[in-house]
C-alpha atoms as a PDB file:
ATOM      1  CA  MET A   1       0.107   2.253 -13.593  1.00  0.00           C
ATOM      2  CA  LEU A   2       1.847   5.024 -12.025  1.00  0.00           C
ATOM      3  CA  LEU A   3      -1.022   6.164  -9.321  1.00  0.00           C
ATOM      4  CA  GLY A   4      -1.252   2.329  -8.280  1.00  0.00           C
ATOM      5  CA  ILE A   5       2.531   2.195  -7.588  1.00  0.00           C
ATOM      6  CA  VAL A   6       2.320   5.466  -5.548  1.00  0.00           C
ATOM      7  CA  VAL A   7      -0.629   4.778  -3.593  1.00  0.00           C
ATOM      8  CA  GLY A   8       0.221   1.023  -3.181  1.00  0.00           C
ATOM      9  CA  TYR A   9       3.311   2.656  -1.700  1.00  0.00           C
ATOM     10  CA  ILE A  10       2.298   5.132   0.769  1.00  0.00           C
ATOM     11  CA  LEU A  11      -0.145   2.863   1.967  1.00  0.00           C
ATOM     12  CA  ILE A  12       2.516   0.112   2.980  1.00  0.00           C
ATOM     13  CA  THR A  13       4.266   2.873   4.675  1.00  0.00           C
ATOM     14  CA  VAL A  14       1.420   3.754   6.894  1.00  0.00           C
ATOM     15  CA  GLY A  15       0.925   0.225   7.481  1.00  0.00           C
ATOM     16  CA  LEU A  16       4.237  -0.636   8.667  1.00  0.00           C
ATOM     17  CA  THR A  17       3.684   3.030  10.634  1.00  0.00           C
ATOM     18  CA  LEU A  18       0.554   1.821  12.267  1.00  0.00           C
ATOM     19  CA  PHE A  19       1.868  -1.757  13.613  1.00  0.00           C
ATOM     20  CA  PHE A  20       4.642  -0.260  15.078  1.00  0.00           C
ATOM     21  CA  GLY A  21       3.254   2.758  16.214  1.00  0.00           C
ATOM     22  CA  LEU A  22       5.100   5.073  15.552  1.00  0.00           C
ATOM     23  CA  HIS A  23       2.252   7.216  14.834  1.00  0.00           C
ATOM     24  CA  PRO A  24       0.737   9.653  16.725  1.00  0.00           C
ATOM     25  CA  ILE A  25      -2.086   8.828  16.802  1.00  0.00           C
ATOM     26  CA  GLU A  26      -3.448   7.955  20.566  1.00  0.00           C
ATOM     27  CA  GLN A  27      -2.633   4.547  21.702  1.00  0.00           C
ATOM     28  CA  GLY A  28      -5.847   1.737  20.695  1.00  0.00           C
ATOM     29  CA  ALA A  29      -7.104   3.410  18.735  1.00  0.00           C
ATOM     30  CA  ILE A  30      -5.857   1.517  15.681  1.00  0.00           C
ATOM     31  CA  SER A  31      -5.429  -2.361  15.799  1.00  0.00           C
ATOM     32  CA  THR A  32      -2.861  -4.686  14.530  1.00  0.00           C
ATOM     33  CA  THR A  33      -5.080  -5.702  12.004  1.00  0.00           C
ATOM     34  CA  GLU A  34      -5.922  -2.656  10.822  1.00  0.00           C
ATOM     35  CA  SER A  35      -2.748  -1.607  10.185  1.00  0.00           C
ATOM     36  CA  ILE A  36      -2.097  -5.213   8.278  1.00  0.00           C
ATOM     37  CA  SER A  37      -5.528  -5.102   6.110  1.00  0.00           C
ATOM     38  CA  VAL A  38      -3.889  -0.787   5.405  1.00  0.00           C
ATOM     39  CA  MET A  39      -0.530  -2.994   3.884  1.00  0.00           C
ATOM     40  CA  GLY A  40      -2.528  -5.466   2.456  1.00  0.00           C
ATOM     41  CA  VAL A  41      -4.347  -3.068   0.999  1.00  0.00           C
ATOM     42  CA  GLY A  42      -0.638  -1.449   0.183  1.00  0.00           C
ATOM     43  CA  VAL A  43       0.265  -4.825  -1.491  1.00  0.00           C
ATOM     44  CA  VAL A  44      -3.121  -4.756  -3.860  1.00  0.00           C
ATOM     45  CA  SER A  45      -2.212  -1.469  -5.032  1.00  0.00           C
ATOM     46  CA  LEU A  46       1.131  -1.796  -6.056  1.00  0.00           C
ATOM     47  CA  VAL A  47       0.521  -5.369  -7.761  1.00  0.00           C
ATOM     48  CA  VAL A  48      -1.925  -3.843 -10.197  1.00  0.00           C
ATOM     49  CA  GLY A  49       0.238  -0.442 -11.015  1.00  0.00           C
ATOM     50  CA  TYR A  50       2.623  -3.662 -11.613  1.00  0.00           C
ATOM     51  CA  LEU A  51       0.471  -5.553 -13.585  1.00  0.00           C
ATOM     52  CA  GLY A  52      -0.630  -1.932 -15.333  1.00  0.00           C
ATOM     53  CA  TRP A  53       3.102  -1.769 -16.369  1.00  0.00           C
ATOM     54  CA  LYS A  54       3.395  -4.901 -17.786  1.00  0.00           C
ATOM     55  CA  GLY A  55       0.316  -4.196 -19.943  1.00  0.00           C
ATOM     56  CA  PHE A  56       1.630  -0.772 -21.220  1.00  0.00           C
ATOM     57  CA  ASN A  57       5.094  -2.960 -22.280  1.00  0.00           C
ATOM     58  CA  TYR A  58       2.834  -5.684 -24.387  1.00  0.00           C
ATOM     59  CA  PHE A  59       0.830  -3.412 -25.896  1.00  0.00           C
ATOM     60  CA  ALA A  60       3.016  -0.640 -26.588  1.00  0.00           C
ATOM     61  CA  TYR A  61       5.957  -2.667 -27.946  1.00  0.00           C
END
């Protein structure tokens, strides 16, 4: 649960950095499609972490 939220946050931040070209990698090395896919994986990870939190609360209480 916590790992999914943390990894999701990191991947979304990295995806946004890549999308806007704020990274130190040479220009043209990362395409817009790849940066959007990184953000997509981050969103999926964030959703899985959230569902883990909801599942934990369902069974814990």
